[in-house]
Amino acid sequence: MNIESLVAVSGMSGIYRVVGNRNNGLIIENMDDGKRKFVAARKHQFSPLETISIYTYEDSEPLKDIFTKMKATEETNPPLPTNAPNDELEDYFRSIVNEYDEFKVKISDIKKVIKWFNYLNERGVFDASPDGGEEE
């Protein structure tokens, strides 16, 4: 699983691949149609997926590890739709990250992780092993 070049951009739905950068923004590529565009840093904030973590009671767990667990349990414990009841979403997320901090991790964060997982899974990001390492 290679999420190092993927970013979430504020004000834009979906996940994008970074193909270049300038001192005043990033050049991003749409993962569906491959179209590239410049996004200014003064208008948008960029969140690289590799830097995102979910709070736990002990420390935090990187998003990549959470995606790995979600992919591993996808057959027996598929991700819920994001419009499922909040209690069910929390129970599902607790089955993936059993020690997540309920006071710091909001339901909107859980929905966003599930939405991102589904988005990337549909595009085969988790199936590819481009670095030649172990298969996730």
C-alpha atoms as a PDB file:
ATOM      1  CA  MET A   1       0.000   0.000   0.000  1.00  0.00           C
ATOM      2  CA  ASN A   2       1.491   3.273  -1.105  1.00  0.00           C
ATOM      3  CA  ILE A   3      -0.236   6.364   0.296  1.00  0.00           C
ATOM      4  CA  GLU A   4       2.869   8.559   0.473  1.00  0.00           C
ATOM      5  CA  SER A   5       1.935  10.652  -2.560  1.00  0.00           C
ATOM      6  CA  LEU A   6      -1.759  11.028  -1.696  1.00  0.00           C
ATOM      7  CA  VAL A   7      -3.314  14.151  -0.180  1.00  0.00           C
ATOM      8  CA  ALA A   8      -6.698  15.400   0.915  1.00  0.00           C
ATOM      9  CA  VAL A   9      -7.315  18.982  -0.169  1.00  0.00           C
ATOM     10  CA  SER A  10      -9.610  21.235   1.843  1.00  0.00           C
ATOM     11  CA  GLY A  11     -12.620  22.372  -0.142  1.00  0.00           C
ATOM     12  CA  MET A  12     -12.296  19.521  -2.640  1.00  0.00           C
ATOM     13  CA  SER A  13     -13.849  16.093  -2.263  1.00  0.00           C
ATOM     14  CA  GLY A  14     -11.804  12.959  -2.782  1.00  0.00           C
ATOM     15  CA  ILE A  15      -8.144  12.091  -2.564  1.00  0.00           C
ATOM     16  CA  TYR A  16      -5.531  13.340  -5.012  1.00  0.00           C
ATOM     17  CA  ARG A  17      -2.058  12.243  -6.071  1.00  0.00           C
ATOM     18  CA  VAL A  18       0.696  14.860  -5.793  1.00  0.00           C
ATOM     19  CA  VAL A  19       2.652  15.087  -9.045  1.00  0.00           C
ATOM     20  CA  GLY A  20       4.599  18.266  -8.389  1.00  0.00           C
ATOM     21  CA  ASN A  21       4.948  21.224  -6.122  1.00  0.00           C
ATOM     22  CA  ARG A  22       5.659  24.892  -6.370  1.00  0.00           C
ATOM     23  CA  ASN A  23       6.487  27.328  -3.627  1.00  0.00           C
ATOM     24  CA  ASN A  24       2.887  28.611  -3.670  1.00  0.00           C
ATOM     25  CA  GLY A  25       0.951  25.332  -4.023  1.00  0.00           C
ATOM     26  CA  LEU A  26       0.763  21.814  -5.406  1.00  0.00           C
ATOM     27  CA  ILE A  27       0.089  20.205  -8.757  1.00  0.00           C
ATOM     28  CA  ILE A  28      -2.378  17.414  -8.092  1.00  0.00           C
ATOM     29  CA  GLU A  29      -3.803  14.651 -10.253  1.00  0.00           C
ATOM     30  CA  ASN A  30      -7.358  13.344 -10.123  1.00  0.00           C
ATOM     31  CA  MET A  31      -7.245   9.597  -9.461  1.00  0.00           C
ATOM     32  CA  ASP A  32     -10.213   8.900 -11.754  1.00  0.00           C
ATOM     33  CA  ASP A  33      -9.450  10.712 -14.979  1.00  0.00           C
ATOM     34  CA  GLY A  34      -5.766  11.634 -14.553  1.00  0.00           C
ATOM     35  CA  LYS A  35      -6.400  15.352 -15.069  1.00  0.00           C
ATOM     36  CA  ARG A  36      -3.874  17.586 -13.393  1.00  0.00           C
ATOM     37  CA  LYS A  37      -4.376  21.019 -11.911  1.00  0.00           C
ATOM     38  CA  PHE A  38      -2.575  23.560  -9.784  1.00  0.00           C
ATOM     39  CA  VAL A  39      -4.021  24.224  -6.325  1.00  0.00           C
ATOM     40  CA  ALA A  40      -2.867  27.347  -4.488  1.00  0.00           C
ATOM     41  CA  ALA A  41      -1.661  27.023  -0.897  1.00  0.00           C
ATOM     42  CA  ARG A  42      -3.192  30.354   0.064  1.00  0.00           C
ATOM     43  CA  LYS A  43      -6.687  29.037  -0.720  1.00  0.00           C
ATOM     44  CA  HIS A  44      -6.422  25.363   0.303  1.00  0.00           C
ATOM     45  CA  GLN A  45      -4.846  23.274   3.035  1.00  0.00           C
ATOM     46  CA  PHE A  46      -3.174  19.970   2.172  1.00  0.00           C
ATOM     47  CA  SER A  47      -3.220  16.897   4.396  1.00  0.00           C
ATOM     48  CA  PRO A  48      -0.853  14.139   3.248  1.00  0.00           C
ATOM     49  CA  LEU A  49      -2.472  10.820   4.160  1.00  0.00           C
ATOM     50  CA  GLU A  50       0.824   9.445   5.474  1.00  0.00           C
ATOM     51  CA  THR A  51       0.858  12.110   8.220  1.00  0.00           C
ATOM     52  CA  ILE A  52      -2.686  11.513   9.472  1.00  0.00           C
ATOM     53  CA  SER A  53      -3.171   9.465  12.643  1.00  0.00           C
ATOM     54  CA  ILE A  54      -6.100   8.540  14.848  1.00  0.00           C
ATOM     55  CA  TYR A  55      -5.833   9.249  18.571  1.00  0.00           C
ATOM     56  CA  THR A  56      -5.722   6.256  20.894  1.00  0.00           C
ATOM     57  CA  TYR A  57      -5.555   6.242  24.681  1.00  0.00           C
ATOM     58  CA  GLU A  58      -1.833   5.417  24.575  1.00  0.00           C
ATOM     59  CA  ASP A  59      -0.583   7.406  21.574  1.00  0.00           C
ATOM     60  CA  SER A  60      -1.944   7.442  18.018  1.00  0.00           C
ATOM     61  CA  GLU A  61      -2.276   4.987  15.161  1.00  0.00           C
ATOM     62  CA  PRO A  62      -1.219   5.944  11.617  1.00  0.00           C
ATOM     63  CA  LEU A  63      -3.907   5.971   8.953  1.00  0.00           C
ATOM     64  CA  LYS A  64      -1.909   3.490   6.882  1.00  0.00           C
ATOM     65  CA  ASP A  65      -2.122   0.908   9.684  1.00  0.00           C
ATOM     66  CA  ILE A  66      -5.864   1.475  10.024  1.00  0.00           C
ATOM     67  CA  PHE A  67      -6.338   1.015   6.276  1.00  0.00           C
ATOM     68  CA  THR A  68      -4.293  -2.207   6.461  1.00  0.00           C
ATOM     69  CA  LYS A  69      -6.555  -3.551   9.221  1.00  0.00           C
ATOM     70  CA  MET A  70      -9.675  -2.523   7.324  1.00  0.00           C
ATOM     71  CA  LYS A  71      -8.447  -4.285   4.194  1.00  0.00           C
ATOM     72  CA  ALA A  72      -7.497  -7.428   6.144  1.00  0.00           C
ATOM     73  CA  THR A  73     -10.950  -7.693   7.744  1.00  0.00           C
ATOM     74  CA  GLU A  74     -12.911  -6.565   4.693  1.00  0.00           C
ATOM     75  CA  GLU A  75     -14.278 -10.057   3.980  1.00  0.00           C
ATOM     76  CA  THR A  76     -15.532 -10.776   7.504  1.00  0.00           C
ATOM     77  CA  ASN A  77     -16.166  -7.203   8.680  1.00  0.00           C
ATOM     78  CA  PRO A  78     -16.915  -4.962   5.669  1.00  0.00           C
ATOM     79  CA  PRO A  79     -16.927  -1.178   6.153  1.00  0.00           C
ATOM     80  CA  LEU A  80     -20.319   0.268   6.934  1.00  0.00           C
ATOM     81  CA  PRO A  81     -21.916   2.949   4.775  1.00  0.00           C
ATOM     82  CA  THR A  82     -21.211   6.423   6.134  1.00  0.00           C
ATOM     83  CA  ASN A  83     -24.942   7.051   6.608  1.00  0.00           C
ATOM     84  CA  ALA A  84     -25.247   4.152   9.087  1.00  0.00           C
ATOM     85  CA  PRO A  85     -26.298   5.005  12.659  1.00  0.00           C
ATOM     86  CA  ASN A  86     -23.546   6.559  14.751  1.00  0.00           C
ATOM     87  CA  ASP A  87     -23.549   3.701  17.289  1.00  0.00           C
ATOM     88  CA  GLU A  88     -22.948   1.148  14.544  1.00  0.00           C
ATOM     89  CA  LEU A  89     -20.157   3.254  13.030  1.00  0.00           C
ATOM     90  CA  GLU A  90     -18.469   3.556  16.436  1.00  0.00           C
ATOM     91  CA  ASP A  91     -18.768  -0.215  17.016  1.00  0.00           C
ATOM     92  CA  TYR A  92     -17.291  -0.937  13.585  1.00  0.00           C
ATOM     93  CA  PHE A  93     -14.421   1.483  14.140  1.00  0.00           C
ATOM     94  CA  ARG A  94     -13.778   0.034  17.607  1.00  0.00           C
ATOM     95  CA  SER A  95     -13.438  -3.403  15.961  1.00  0.00           C
ATOM     96  CA  ILE A  96     -10.668  -1.940  13.785  1.00  0.00           C
ATOM     97  CA  VAL A  97      -9.002   0.406  16.325  1.00  0.00           C
ATOM     98  CA  ASN A  98     -10.107  -0.980  19.668  1.00  0.00           C
ATOM     99  CA  GLU A  99      -8.351   1.671  21.765  1.00  0.00           C
ATOM    100  CA  TYR A 100      -9.341   4.825  19.879  1.00  0.00           C
ATOM    101  CA  ASP A 101     -10.029   7.841  22.084  1.00  0.00           C
ATOM    102  CA  GLU A 102     -13.787   8.518  21.915  1.00  0.00           C
ATOM    103  CA  PHE A 103     -13.313  12.047  23.269  1.00  0.00           C
ATOM    104  CA  LYS A 104     -10.847  13.140  20.579  1.00  0.00           C
ATOM    105  CA  VAL A 105     -12.069  11.080  17.614  1.00  0.00           C
ATOM    106  CA  LYS A 106     -15.415  12.436  16.462  1.00  0.00           C
ATOM    107  CA  ILE A 107     -18.015  10.596  14.404  1.00  0.00           C
ATOM    108  CA  SER A 108     -17.123  12.836  11.453  1.00  0.00           C
ATOM    109  CA  ASP A 109     -13.526  11.537  11.664  1.00  0.00           C
ATOM    110  CA  ILE A 110     -14.771   7.944  11.577  1.00  0.00           C
ATOM    111  CA  LYS A 111     -16.955   8.688   8.567  1.00  0.00           C
ATOM    112  CA  LYS A 112     -14.050  10.354   6.786  1.00  0.00           C
ATOM    113  CA  VAL A 113     -11.734   7.358   7.361  1.00  0.00           C
ATOM    114  CA  ILE A 114     -14.386   4.961   6.045  1.00  0.00           C
ATOM    115  CA  LYS A 115     -15.102   7.221   3.063  1.00  0.00           C
ATOM    116  CA  TRP A 116     -11.397   7.493   2.217  1.00  0.00           C
ATOM    117  CA  PHE A 117     -10.925   3.727   2.574  1.00  0.00           C
ATOM    118  CA  ASN A 118     -13.816   3.013   0.210  1.00  0.00           C
ATOM    119  CA  TYR A 119     -12.597   5.638  -2.269  1.00  0.00           C
ATOM    120  CA  LEU A 120      -9.058   4.221  -2.363  1.00  0.00           C
ATOM    121  CA  ASN A 121     -10.195   0.593  -2.293  1.00  0.00           C
ATOM    122  CA  GLU A 122     -12.437   1.141  -5.340  1.00  0.00           C
ATOM    123  CA  ARG A 123      -9.411   2.468  -7.220  1.00  0.00           C
ATOM    124  CA  GLY A 124      -7.183  -0.499  -6.306  1.00  0.00           C
ATOM    125  CA  VAL A 125      -4.680   1.447  -4.197  1.00  0.00           C
ATOM    126  CA  PHE A 126      -4.546  -1.309  -1.576  1.00  0.00           C
ATOM    127  CA  ASP A 127      -4.145  -4.109  -4.130  1.00  0.00           C
ATOM    128  CA  ALA A 128      -1.008  -2.689  -5.714  1.00  0.00           C
ATOM    129  CA  SER A 129       2.438  -3.258  -4.271  1.00  0.00           C
ATOM    130  CA  PRO A 130       4.572  -0.847  -6.346  1.00  0.00           C
ATOM    131  CA  ASP A 131       7.612  -0.886  -4.070  1.00  0.00           C
ATOM    132  CA  GLY A 132       8.059  -4.631  -4.475  1.00  0.00           C
ATOM    133  CA  GLY A 133       7.528  -5.144  -0.749  1.00  0.00           C
ATOM    134  CA  GLU A 134       5.051  -7.367   0.969  1.00  0.00           C
ATOM    135  CA  GLU A 135       1.516  -7.598  -0.314  1.00  0.00           C
ATOM    136  CA  GLU A 136      -0.941  -5.903   2.042  1.00  0.00           C
END
